[in-house]
Amino acid sequence: NIFFLHLDKKQMRKKSIHACQSTDKDVIKEAPAENLMTNLSNAYASDLLPSKEGEDLTKCFLLRVVNILLHYIEKTFDVKSKILDFHHPHQLLEGLDGFDLELSDHPESLEQLLVDCTDTLKYGVKTGHPRYFNQLSSGLDVIGLAGEWLTATANTNMFTYEIAPVFTVMETVLLKKMCEIIGWRETEADGIFSPGGSISNLYGILVARYKQYPEIKARGMAVLPCIVLFVSEQGHYSIKKAAATLGIGTDNVIEVKCDERGKMIPAELEKNILQAQRKGQTPFCVVATAGSTVFGAFDPLHDIADICEIHRLWMHVDAAWGGGLLLSRKHSYKLSGIERADSVTWNPHKLMGVPLQCSALLTREKGLLGACNQMQAEYLFQPDKVYNINFDTGDKTVQCGRHVDVFKLWLMWKAKGTYGFEVQIDRYMELAKYFYKVLKKKDNFKLVFDAEPEFTNVCFWYFPPRLKHIPKSFERDQELQKIAPKIKAQMIVEGTVMLSYQPCGDKVNFFRMVFSNPATRQTDVDYLIDEIQRLGKDL
């Protein structure tokens, strides 16, 4: 019986392969994914490579996966398609039309896996959709996507040159390029790619502390005085998170007042430093922001650098969002002074549009990352290797295993050139300016800042007719607070647009529009305005 079952399975697999081969030419065309799945109902993952004779079936399966992806990409860029088919968490957990998230003890067929791939995309969010404005990282770059596919296929680790020879050298090339763009041309700078801007900021603070107190590495926080660091009140929450993680404590992160546009006030920073010293605290680091998350504000970097030099403090610049602006000859002046920083966070997965994740921590002084983090594990970092062990970068990181985040960026830079990134970024700035000008003319919209946007962030309120002429008061603000969440909820349910909102200080909920999606056009901006009015007019 086992013999005949084996024969039957083998024959079915041959039928599947034959059916697949007969449609190979159609796979890269527009054949619907569901029509191409029906031939794999009797084939399983165990039949794929490295299984003997699994080559044809593997090719067939992967071609169908590619077909699913191509169909999804086509839909992503279609403005008429929904950004998402929204369901509540409990609905996904209960199962939807055969899409079951529960895990089985027994293998399921390749056909079912393809259905699951299709459904996973179906019920997710199309972050590359031209009308997706929800996060600072949006858009879908096809070259970057190809880079991610190749990276996953290579499936290697970034800790040594031995197992990632091309990728580790690529990282060196990219870090050098980014350091030169920052303005560190005369020094041999350093850096590392990390899992996101929050981790890059953590590295910046970690290195800042090590530079001042190298004994921390062996002896711990007990040997240190009460150290404090400073960040603007509009700085990213990851700074406090890093302080909590590193044992510094969130109470020892001192928030510095900002002006009306969200920029750190240098006089306030100076005052806070002196106050901390009088209390017996020891300042060691200032975190400046270049492109704040909500308002898109750029702190006055030269003024902050002057203060850091006077008080001998490490200057870290969180340019996760705004770093890409360095590629624009027209707008890079907004980061003037970044060349005086000791460390910088820069996320190419934001303004530059590289697929998630891609973040770099850059340091002006070479060797600090290694000295701070190295543990010299003998099974990885042997000193007597056949090649130059300076390319074994794993000991510069807190991680051991590290994903290859560099190839997609390198490939996109090859495809666009520095000037291609510049054109893309300048267009975002123009769209922000256009959006601002349109809103300024509409009496049912009010800008949070009545001035031309400094970055691609545009913050605004929508006033339904019933609130439009009511004078500002606590009662009116209580009603206005409810408007953005209600409009956003309707947007999500209908799947037409995605846009974020938040309160900030004494400002009740307002919308935050950000431009970082290469698919967005002026028509999409006009659509957003019309959609807000359609959904909000009766609120």
Protein backbone atom coordinates (compact mmCIF):
# COMPACT_ATOMS: atom_id res chain seq x y z
CA ASN A 1 0.00 0.00 0.00
CA ILE A 2 2.83 2.37 0.87
CA PHE A 3 4.45 1.55 -2.49
CA PHE A 4 1.28 2.38 -4.44
CA LEU A 5 0.72 5.54 -2.42
CA HIS A 6 4.25 6.61 -3.29
CA LEU A 7 3.65 5.85 -6.97
CA ASP A 8 0.37 7.74 -6.93
CA LYS A 9 2.00 10.76 -5.32
CA LYS A 10 4.84 10.64 -7.86
CA GLN A 11 2.38 10.47 -10.77
CA MET A 12 0.36 13.36 -9.37
CA ARG A 13 3.54 15.38 -8.99
CA LYS A 14 4.42 14.69 -12.63
CA LYS A 15 0.93 15.85 -13.64
CA SER A 16 1.42 18.99 -11.60
CA ILE A 17 4.78 19.67 -13.22
CA HIS A 18 3.38 19.04 -16.70
CA ALA A 19 0.48 21.40 -16.03
CA CYS A 20 2.86 23.99 -14.68
CA GLN A 21 5.19 23.73 -17.66
CA SER A 22 2.31 24.14 -20.06
CA THR A 23 1.46 27.49 -18.50
CA ASP A 24 4.99 28.78 -17.84
CA LYS A 25 4.71 31.29 -20.67
CA ASP A 26 1.52 32.66 -19.18
CA VAL A 27 2.87 33.12 -15.70
CA ILE A 28 4.68 36.35 -16.37
CA LYS A 29 1.71 37.58 -18.37
CA GLU A 30 -1.64 38.52 -16.87
CA ALA A 31 -3.00 35.06 -16.07
CA PRO A 32 -4.97 35.27 -12.80
CA ALA A 33 -3.05 33.68 -9.95
CA GLU A 34 -6.01 31.54 -8.87
CA ASN A 35 -6.17 29.78 -12.28
CA LEU A 36 -2.56 28.74 -11.95
CA MET A 37 -2.85 27.29 -8.46
CA THR A 38 -5.14 24.36 -9.15
CA ASN A 39 -2.34 22.06 -10.34
CA LEU A 40 -0.47 21.98 -7.04
CA SER A 41 -3.14 20.44 -4.80
CA ASN A 42 -1.22 17.15 -4.52
CA ALA A 43 2.26 18.61 -4.15
CA TYR A 44 3.91 19.59 -0.88
CA ALA A 45 6.90 21.55 0.38
CA SER A 46 8.77 18.26 0.83
CA ASP A 47 8.60 17.77 -2.96
CA LEU A 48 10.53 21.00 -3.64
CA LEU A 49 14.29 21.39 -3.80
CA PRO A 50 16.45 20.03 -2.27
CA SER A 51 14.20 17.01 -2.81
CA LYS A 52 15.42 14.70 -5.59
CA GLU A 53 13.72 15.62 -8.90
CA GLY A 54 12.27 18.72 -7.22
CA GLU A 55 13.72 21.22 -9.68
CA ASP A 56 10.75 21.51 -12.04
CA LEU A 57 8.21 21.63 -9.26
CA THR A 58 10.24 24.30 -7.44
CA LYS A 59 10.37 26.39 -10.60
CA CYS A 60 6.63 25.96 -11.08
CA PHE A 61 5.82 26.94 -7.49
CA LEU A 62 8.08 29.99 -7.48
CA LEU A 63 6.75 31.19 -10.83
CA ARG A 64 3.30 31.15 -9.32
CA VAL A 65 4.52 33.08 -6.31
CA VAL A 66 6.01 35.65 -8.68
CA ASN A 67 2.68 35.82 -10.50
CA ILE A 68 0.91 36.59 -7.21
CA LEU A 69 3.45 39.30 -6.44
CA LEU A 70 3.20 40.87 -9.89
CA HIS A 71 -0.58 40.94 -9.65
CA TYR A 72 -0.30 42.63 -6.25
CA ILE A 73 2.23 45.20 -7.51
CA GLU A 74 -0.04 46.05 -10.43
CA LYS A 75 -2.94 46.59 -8.01
CA THR A 76 -0.74 48.62 -5.66
CA PHE A 77 -0.09 51.30 -8.26
CA ASP A 78 -3.72 51.41 -9.43
CA VAL A 79 -5.33 54.45 -7.75
CA LYS A 80 -8.76 52.88 -8.29
CA SER A 81 -7.86 49.91 -6.10
CA LYS A 82 -8.45 49.97 -2.34
CA ILE A 83 -5.49 50.59 -0.05
CA LEU A 84 -6.79 47.85 2.22
CA ASP A 85 -9.67 45.47 2.70
CA PHE A 86 -10.18 46.24 6.37
CA HIS A 87 -11.15 43.63 8.95
CA HIS A 88 -10.96 43.71 12.73
CA PRO A 89 -8.36 41.53 14.50
CA HIS A 90 -11.00 39.11 15.80
CA GLN A 91 -12.21 38.53 12.24
CA LEU A 92 -8.73 37.58 11.07
CA LEU A 93 -8.32 35.28 14.05
CA GLU A 94 -11.67 33.60 13.37
CA GLY A 95 -10.80 33.04 9.69
CA LEU A 96 -11.95 34.70 6.48
CA ASP A 97 -13.18 32.85 3.38
CA GLY A 98 -10.76 29.96 3.83
CA PHE A 99 -7.89 32.13 5.12
CA ASP A 100 -7.08 30.41 8.40
CA LEU A 101 -4.22 31.71 10.57
CA GLU A 102 -4.22 28.66 12.85
CA LEU A 103 -1.25 26.31 12.46
CA SER A 104 -1.72 22.62 11.66
CA ASP A 105 0.33 19.61 12.77
CA HIS A 106 0.17 18.24 9.23
CA PRO A 107 1.56 19.76 6.02
CA GLU A 108 -0.75 21.57 3.65
CA SER A 109 -0.48 21.48 -0.13
CA LEU A 110 1.44 23.96 -2.23
CA GLU A 111 -1.88 25.09 -3.66
CA GLN A 112 -3.08 26.05 -0.18
CA LEU A 113 0.18 27.86 0.49
CA LEU A 114 -0.35 29.92 -2.67
CA VAL A 115 -3.88 30.73 -1.55
CA ASP A 116 -2.43 31.81 1.81
CA CYS A 117 0.13 34.04 0.07
CA THR A 118 -2.63 35.66 -1.97
CA ASP A 119 -4.84 36.20 1.07
CA THR A 120 -2.00 37.60 3.18
CA LEU A 121 -1.53 40.32 0.58
CA LYS A 122 -5.28 40.71 0.05
CA TYR A 123 -5.99 41.60 3.68
CA GLY A 124 -2.84 43.67 4.21
CA VAL A 125 -2.15 47.34 3.50
CA LYS A 126 -0.78 48.46 0.12
CA THR A 127 1.93 50.79 1.43
CA GLY A 128 3.01 51.52 -2.14
CA HIS A 129 -0.44 52.85 -3.09
CA PRO A 130 -0.29 56.46 -4.38
CA ARG A 131 -2.74 57.53 -1.64
CA TYR A 132 -0.95 55.90 1.29
CA PHE A 133 0.38 58.76 3.44
CA ASN A 134 0.17 57.09 6.84
CA GLN A 135 3.86 56.65 7.67
CA LEU A 136 7.16 58.34 6.86
CA SER A 137 8.17 55.16 5.04
CA SER A 138 5.87 54.55 2.10
CA GLY A 139 5.97 53.72 -1.57
CA LEU A 140 7.20 50.66 -3.43
CA ASP A 141 10.42 50.98 -5.41
CA VAL A 142 10.67 48.16 -7.94
CA ILE A 143 14.49 48.16 -8.01
CA GLY A 144 14.56 48.07 -4.21
CA LEU A 145 12.07 45.20 -4.31
CA ALA A 146 14.36 43.28 -6.67
CA GLY A 147 17.19 43.93 -4.23
CA GLU A 148 15.14 42.53 -1.37
CA TRP A 149 14.30 39.40 -3.38
CA LEU A 150 17.98 38.80 -4.12
CA THR A 151 18.88 39.43 -0.47
CA ALA A 152 16.36 36.85 0.71
CA THR A 153 17.64 34.36 -1.87
CA ALA A 154 21.24 34.81 -0.72
CA ASN A 155 20.04 34.37 2.90
CA THR A 156 23.34 35.19 4.54
CA ASN A 157 24.49 37.07 7.61
CA MET A 158 26.44 40.31 7.87
CA PHE A 159 28.78 39.40 10.71
CA THR A 160 31.81 38.30 8.63
CA TYR A 161 33.34 38.79 5.20
CA GLU A 162 33.75 35.02 5.15
CA ILE A 163 30.02 34.40 4.59
CA ALA A 164 28.99 37.75 3.07
CA PRO A 165 31.98 38.88 0.99
CA VAL A 166 30.09 41.12 -1.44
CA PHE A 167 27.60 42.54 1.07
CA THR A 168 30.18 43.49 3.72
CA VAL A 169 32.25 45.39 1.14
CA MET A 170 29.07 47.03 -0.19
CA GLU A 171 28.28 48.21 3.34
CA THR A 172 31.73 49.78 3.59
CA VAL A 173 31.22 51.58 0.28
CA LEU A 174 27.76 52.87 1.27
CA LEU A 175 28.85 54.03 4.72
CA LYS A 176 31.80 55.90 3.22
CA LYS A 177 29.49 57.56 0.69
CA MET A 178 26.97 58.60 3.35
CA CYS A 179 29.72 59.94 5.65
CA GLU A 180 31.11 62.03 2.77
CA ILE A 181 27.64 63.43 2.06
CA ILE A 182 27.32 64.41 5.74
CA GLY A 183 30.60 66.29 5.35
CA TRP A 184 33.10 64.01 7.11
CA ARG A 185 35.49 64.00 4.17
CA GLU A 186 38.72 64.64 6.04
CA THR A 187 38.34 61.90 8.64
CA GLU A 188 38.07 58.13 8.42
CA ALA A 189 34.53 57.82 9.71
CA ASP A 190 32.66 54.66 10.62
CA GLY A 191 29.16 53.24 10.85
CA ILE A 192 26.85 50.27 10.77
CA PHE A 193 23.43 49.41 9.34
CA SER A 194 20.94 48.53 12.05
CA PRO A 195 17.30 47.36 12.38
CA GLY A 196 15.69 50.80 12.22
CA GLY A 197 16.16 54.37 13.45
CA SER A 198 15.35 53.55 17.08
CA ILE A 199 18.26 51.10 17.23
CA SER A 200 20.52 53.54 15.38
CA ASN A 201 19.69 56.19 17.98
CA LEU A 202 20.43 53.66 20.71
CA TYR A 203 23.84 53.02 19.13
CA GLY A 204 24.52 56.77 19.04
CA ILE A 205 23.81 57.14 22.77
CA LEU A 206 25.68 53.92 23.58
CA VAL A 207 28.80 55.14 21.81
CA ALA A 208 28.47 58.63 23.33
CA ARG A 209 28.46 57.12 26.82
CA TYR A 210 31.37 54.79 26.04
CA LYS A 211 33.46 57.64 24.67
CA GLN A 212 33.07 59.57 27.94
CA TYR A 213 33.14 56.54 30.27
CA PRO A 214 34.89 53.52 28.69
CA GLU A 215 34.89 51.76 32.08
CA ILE A 216 31.11 51.27 31.72
CA LYS A 217 31.70 48.29 29.45
CA ALA A 218 33.33 46.16 32.14
CA ARG A 219 32.14 47.66 35.41
CA GLY A 220 28.58 48.80 34.70
CA MET A 221 26.52 51.85 35.63
CA ALA A 222 27.49 51.72 39.31
CA VAL A 223 30.85 53.38 38.56
CA LEU A 224 29.28 56.36 36.78
CA PRO A 225 27.92 59.63 38.13
CA CYS A 226 24.25 60.53 37.46
CA ILE A 227 24.55 61.13 33.72
CA VAL A 228 21.91 63.03 31.72
CA LEU A 229 21.25 63.71 28.07
CA PHE A 230 19.19 66.33 26.28
CA VAL A 231 16.71 66.15 23.42
CA SER A 232 14.06 68.54 22.11
CA GLU A 233 10.49 68.11 23.32
CA GLN A 234 9.67 67.23 19.69
CA GLY A 235 12.42 64.59 19.54
CA HIS A 236 11.62 60.96 18.79
CA TYR A 237 10.41 58.74 21.62
CA SER A 238 13.22 56.28 20.83
CA ILE A 239 15.63 58.50 22.78
CA LYS A 240 13.78 57.81 26.02
CA LYS A 241 13.46 54.17 25.05
CA ALA A 242 17.24 53.99 24.51
CA ALA A 243 17.84 55.61 27.91
CA ALA A 244 15.57 53.04 29.55
CA THR A 245 17.30 50.17 27.74
CA LEU A 246 20.82 51.39 28.54
CA GLY A 247 20.11 51.87 32.23
CA ILE A 248 20.35 55.66 32.07
CA GLY A 249 16.68 56.05 32.93
CA THR A 250 13.96 58.09 31.29
CA ASP A 251 14.04 60.64 34.15
CA ASN A 252 17.57 61.49 33.02
CA VAL A 253 16.44 62.48 29.53
CA ILE A 254 15.88 66.23 29.75
CA GLU A 255 13.45 67.61 27.18
CA VAL A 256 14.37 71.04 25.83
CA LYS A 257 11.69 73.56 24.89
CA CYS A 258 11.02 74.25 21.22
CA ASP A 259 9.88 77.33 19.36
CA GLU A 260 6.47 77.57 17.66
CA ARG A 261 7.72 75.54 14.65
CA GLY A 262 9.06 72.67 16.76
CA LYS A 263 12.77 73.56 16.71
CA MET A 264 14.94 73.25 19.80
CA ILE A 265 15.70 76.66 21.36
CA PRO A 266 19.50 76.88 21.91
CA ALA A 267 19.17 79.26 24.89
CA GLU A 268 16.88 76.72 26.57
CA LEU A 269 19.43 73.96 25.95
CA GLU A 270 22.16 76.07 27.56
CA LYS A 271 19.89 76.81 30.51
CA ASN A 272 19.00 73.11 30.96
CA ILE A 273 22.67 72.07 30.89
CA LEU A 274 23.59 74.60 33.60
CA GLN A 275 20.57 73.60 35.72
CA ALA A 276 21.56 69.91 35.50
CA GLN A 277 25.12 70.73 36.58
CA ARG A 278 23.86 72.71 39.57
CA LYS A 279 21.78 69.70 40.62
CA GLY A 280 24.89 67.52 40.61
CA GLN A 281 23.99 65.75 37.37
CA THR A 282 26.58 65.12 34.65
CA PRO A 283 25.57 66.01 31.06
CA PHE A 284 27.21 63.81 28.42
CA CYS A 285 25.13 64.01 25.23
CA VAL A 286 22.77 66.22 23.23
CA VAL A 287 20.43 64.69 20.64
CA ALA A 288 19.46 67.16 17.91
CA THR A 289 16.66 66.37 15.46
CA ALA A 290 16.87 66.90 11.70
CA GLY A 291 13.31 66.34 10.52
CA SER A 292 11.02 65.75 13.48
CA THR A 293 8.38 63.06 13.13
CA VAL A 294 5.27 65.22 13.46
CA PHE A 295 6.20 68.75 12.36
CA GLY A 296 9.21 67.97 10.14
CA ALA A 297 11.31 70.49 12.08
CA PHE A 298 15.08 70.90 11.84
CA ASP A 299 16.90 71.92 15.00
CA PRO A 300 19.54 74.71 14.61
CA LEU A 301 22.51 72.38 14.34
CA HIS A 302 25.31 74.98 14.31
CA ASP A 303 24.02 76.61 17.50
CA ILE A 304 23.69 73.22 19.19
CA ALA A 305 27.19 72.24 18.04
CA ASP A 306 28.60 75.43 19.57
CA ILE A 307 27.02 74.57 22.93
CA CYS A 308 28.25 70.97 22.73
CA GLU A 309 31.80 72.17 22.08
CA ILE A 310 31.73 74.61 25.01
CA HIS A 311 30.49 71.93 27.43
CA ARG A 312 32.38 69.03 25.80
CA LEU A 313 29.23 67.04 25.08
CA TRP A 314 28.67 64.39 22.41
CA MET A 315 26.37 65.65 19.66
CA HIS A 316 24.12 63.05 18.06
CA VAL A 317 21.81 64.07 15.21
CA ASP A 318 18.66 62.06 14.67
CA ALA A 319 18.26 62.56 10.92
CA ALA A 320 16.30 59.34 10.45
CA TRP A 321 13.57 61.26 8.59
CA GLY A 322 15.45 64.29 7.29
CA GLY A 323 18.80 62.73 6.34
CA GLY A 324 17.74 62.14 2.75
CA LEU A 325 17.44 65.91 2.28
CA LEU A 326 21.26 65.99 2.18
CA LEU A 327 20.94 64.62 -1.37
CA SER A 328 19.09 67.76 -2.52
CA ARG A 329 21.30 70.68 -3.50
CA LYS A 330 18.26 72.93 -3.15
CA HIS A 331 17.28 71.88 0.39
CA SER A 332 20.39 70.41 2.07
CA TYR A 333 21.14 73.75 3.77
CA LYS A 334 18.42 72.84 6.30
CA LEU A 335 20.88 70.35 7.79
CA SER A 336 23.79 72.81 7.86
CA GLY A 337 25.94 71.96 10.85
CA ILE A 338 25.38 68.20 10.69
CA GLU A 339 29.02 67.86 9.70
CA ARG A 340 29.91 68.96 13.25
CA ALA A 341 28.01 66.06 14.83
CA ASP A 342 29.79 63.13 16.46
CA SER A 343 27.16 60.63 15.28
CA VAL A 344 24.17 60.64 12.95
CA THR A 345 21.14 58.40 12.39
CA TRP A 346 19.98 58.29 8.76
CA ASN A 347 17.16 56.06 7.47
CA PRO A 348 17.24 55.47 3.69
CA HIS A 349 13.94 53.58 4.12
CA LYS A 350 12.18 56.89 4.73
CA LEU A 351 12.74 59.82 2.36
CA MET A 352 14.90 57.82 -0.07
CA GLY A 353 12.19 55.16 -0.46
CA VAL A 354 14.31 52.06 0.17
CA PRO A 355 12.17 49.06 1.19
CA LEU A 356 12.02 48.45 4.94
CA GLN A 357 14.26 48.16 6.75
CA CYS A 358 17.34 50.26 6.00
CA SER A 359 18.86 52.47 8.70
CA ALA A 360 22.43 53.59 9.33
CA LEU A 361 24.26 54.85 12.39
CA LEU A 362 27.29 56.90 11.33
CA THR A 363 30.12 58.01 13.63
CA ARG A 364 32.81 60.60 12.95
CA GLU A 365 35.43 58.72 14.98
CA LYS A 366 36.49 55.35 13.59
CA GLY A 367 36.94 52.46 15.99
CA LEU A 368 34.49 53.52 18.69
CA LEU A 369 31.74 51.13 17.61
CA GLY A 370 34.16 48.22 17.73
CA ALA A 371 35.72 49.19 21.05
CA CYS A 372 32.30 49.69 22.60
CA ASN A 373 30.70 46.46 21.42
CA GLN A 374 33.33 43.87 20.56
CA MET A 375 33.50 40.60 22.49
CA GLN A 376 35.86 38.81 20.08
CA ALA A 377 33.94 35.55 19.89
CA GLU A 378 36.60 33.02 18.83
CA TYR A 379 34.25 30.96 16.67
CA LEU A 380 33.51 33.97 14.44
CA PHE A 381 36.31 36.51 14.64
CA GLN A 382 39.52 34.53 14.39
CA PRO A 383 42.58 36.81 13.91
CA ASP A 384 44.43 34.45 11.53
CA LYS A 385 41.98 34.32 8.61
CA VAL A 386 43.09 34.24 5.00
CA TYR A 387 41.62 37.71 4.24
CA ASN A 388 41.64 41.24 5.71
CA ILE A 389 39.64 40.82 8.93
CA ASN A 390 38.77 44.53 9.03
CA PHE A 391 35.78 43.51 6.91
CA ASP A 392 34.47 41.27 9.70
CA THR A 393 32.07 43.92 10.97
CA GLY A 394 29.94 41.83 13.32
CA ASP A 395 31.84 42.85 16.44
CA LYS A 396 30.83 46.48 15.94
CA THR A 397 27.22 45.63 16.72
CA VAL A 398 25.07 44.64 19.68
CA GLN A 399 23.56 41.94 17.47
CA CYS A 400 25.22 38.77 16.36
CA GLY A 401 22.99 37.82 13.44
CA ARG A 402 22.39 40.84 11.21
CA HIS A 403 20.15 41.07 8.16
CA VAL A 404 21.56 42.28 4.84
CA ASP A 405 19.99 45.73 4.51
CA VAL A 406 22.57 47.21 2.15
CA PHE A 407 22.03 45.50 -1.19
CA LYS A 408 18.67 47.07 -2.00
CA LEU A 409 20.06 50.54 -1.19
CA TRP A 410 23.20 49.90 -3.27
CA LEU A 411 21.11 48.65 -6.20
CA MET A 412 18.75 51.64 -6.02
CA TRP A 413 21.71 54.04 -5.89
CA LYS A 414 23.09 52.32 -8.99
CA ALA A 415 19.70 52.65 -10.70
CA LYS A 416 18.98 56.29 -9.80
CA GLY A 417 22.35 57.83 -9.12
CA THR A 418 22.62 60.54 -6.47
CA TYR A 419 20.87 62.95 -8.84
CA GLY A 420 17.94 60.56 -9.27
CA PHE A 421 17.34 60.58 -5.51
CA GLU A 422 17.61 64.38 -5.61
CA VAL A 423 14.89 64.70 -8.27
CA GLN A 424 12.61 62.37 -6.31
CA ILE A 425 13.10 64.26 -3.03
CA ASP A 426 12.69 67.68 -4.62
CA ARG A 427 9.37 66.52 -6.07
CA TYR A 428 8.14 65.59 -2.58
CA MET A 429 9.02 69.09 -1.44
CA GLU A 430 7.09 70.60 -4.33
CA LEU A 431 4.05 68.45 -3.52
CA ALA A 432 4.16 69.62 0.10
CA LYS A 433 4.29 73.24 -1.09
CA TYR A 434 1.36 72.64 -3.46
CA PHE A 435 -0.70 70.99 -0.69
CA TYR A 436 0.01 73.89 1.66
CA LYS A 437 -1.07 76.47 -0.92
CA VAL A 438 -4.32 74.64 -1.71
CA LEU A 439 -5.24 74.25 1.98
CA LYS A 440 -4.44 77.89 2.70
CA LYS A 441 -7.18 78.96 0.26
CA LYS A 442 -9.87 76.75 1.81
CA ASP A 443 -11.83 78.16 4.72
CA ASN A 444 -12.81 74.75 6.10
CA PHE A 445 -9.17 73.74 6.59
CA LYS A 446 -6.74 75.36 8.99
CA LEU A 447 -2.97 74.87 9.00
CA VAL A 448 -1.23 74.14 12.30
CA PHE A 449 1.58 76.45 11.08
CA ASP A 450 0.54 79.26 8.78
CA ALA A 451 3.85 79.26 6.94
CA GLU A 452 5.32 77.38 4.00
CA PRO A 453 6.40 73.88 5.10
CA GLU A 454 10.08 73.41 5.85
CA PHE A 455 9.91 69.72 4.99
CA THR A 456 7.30 67.38 3.47
CA ASN A 457 5.19 67.38 6.67
CA VAL A 458 1.99 69.45 6.42
CA CYS A 459 -0.17 69.52 9.57
CA PHE A 460 -3.77 70.74 9.46
CA TRP A 461 -7.29 70.58 10.89
CA TYR A 462 -10.51 70.03 8.99
CA PHE A 463 -13.56 71.95 10.26
CA PRO A 464 -16.99 70.53 9.42
CA PRO A 465 -19.57 73.24 8.57
CA ARG A 466 -21.08 73.14 12.09
CA LEU A 467 -17.71 74.05 13.69
CA LYS A 468 -16.33 76.38 11.02
CA HIS A 469 -17.62 79.66 12.44
CA ILE A 470 -17.54 78.86 16.15
CA PRO A 471 -14.88 80.92 17.98
CA LYS A 472 -11.98 79.02 19.52
CA SER A 473 -12.88 77.74 22.97
CA PHE A 474 -12.45 74.68 25.16
CA GLU A 475 -15.85 73.35 24.04
CA ARG A 476 -15.03 73.80 20.34
CA ASP A 477 -11.65 72.08 20.77
CA GLN A 478 -13.34 69.16 22.50
CA GLU A 479 -15.53 68.72 19.42
CA LEU A 480 -12.66 69.29 16.97
CA GLN A 481 -10.64 66.61 18.81
CA LYS A 482 -13.16 64.00 17.61
CA ILE A 483 -13.16 64.96 13.92
CA ALA A 484 -9.84 63.56 12.66
CA PRO A 485 -10.32 60.12 14.32
CA LYS A 486 -13.81 59.79 12.84
CA ILE A 487 -12.65 60.71 9.33
CA LYS A 488 -9.66 58.38 9.64
CA ALA A 489 -11.90 55.50 10.78
CA GLN A 490 -14.12 55.98 7.72
CA MET A 491 -11.09 56.15 5.43
CA ILE A 492 -9.86 52.81 6.78
CA VAL A 493 -13.24 51.13 6.49
CA GLU A 494 -13.65 52.30 2.89
CA GLY A 495 -9.96 51.72 2.06
CA THR A 496 -9.64 54.90 0.00
CA VAL A 497 -6.83 56.82 1.72
CA MET A 498 -4.56 56.37 4.73
CA LEU A 499 -3.47 59.47 6.64
CA SER A 500 -2.26 59.81 10.23
CA TYR A 501 -3.43 62.16 12.96
CA GLN A 502 -2.34 63.03 16.50
CA PRO A 503 -2.63 65.67 19.21
CA CYS A 504 0.50 67.59 20.23
CA GLY A 505 0.79 69.65 23.40
CA ASP A 506 -2.15 72.04 23.53
CA LYS A 507 -3.11 71.23 19.93
CA VAL A 508 -6.05 68.84 19.64
CA ASN A 509 -6.06 66.05 17.04
CA PHE A 510 -4.83 67.24 13.65
CA PHE A 511 -3.95 65.46 10.42
CA ARG A 512 -0.29 65.01 9.48
CA MET A 513 0.35 64.71 5.77
CA VAL A 514 3.82 63.51 4.73
CA PHE A 515 5.20 63.07 1.23
CA SER A 516 7.63 60.21 0.73
CA ASN A 517 5.76 58.09 -1.82
CA PRO A 518 7.13 58.25 -5.40
CA ALA A 519 3.76 57.17 -6.83
CA THR A 520 1.90 60.21 -5.43
CA ARG A 521 0.79 62.93 -7.88
CA GLN A 522 -1.03 66.24 -7.51
CA THR A 523 -4.27 64.49 -8.46
CA ASP A 524 -3.87 62.27 -5.39
CA VAL A 525 -3.43 65.35 -3.22
CA ASP A 526 -6.62 66.85 -4.67
CA TYR A 527 -8.41 63.54 -4.09
CA LEU A 528 -7.36 63.53 -0.43
CA ILE A 529 -8.79 66.99 0.15
CA ASP A 530 -12.07 66.04 -1.54
CA GLU A 531 -12.24 62.80 0.44
CA ILE A 532 -11.76 64.55 3.79
CA GLN A 533 -14.55 66.97 2.90
CA ARG A 534 -16.84 64.16 1.72
CA LEU A 535 -16.35 62.11 4.87
CA GLY A 536 -16.33 65.06 7.28
CA LYS A 537 -18.97 67.48 6.06
CA ASP A 538 -21.80 65.99 8.17
CA LEU A 539 -19.80 65.34 11.34
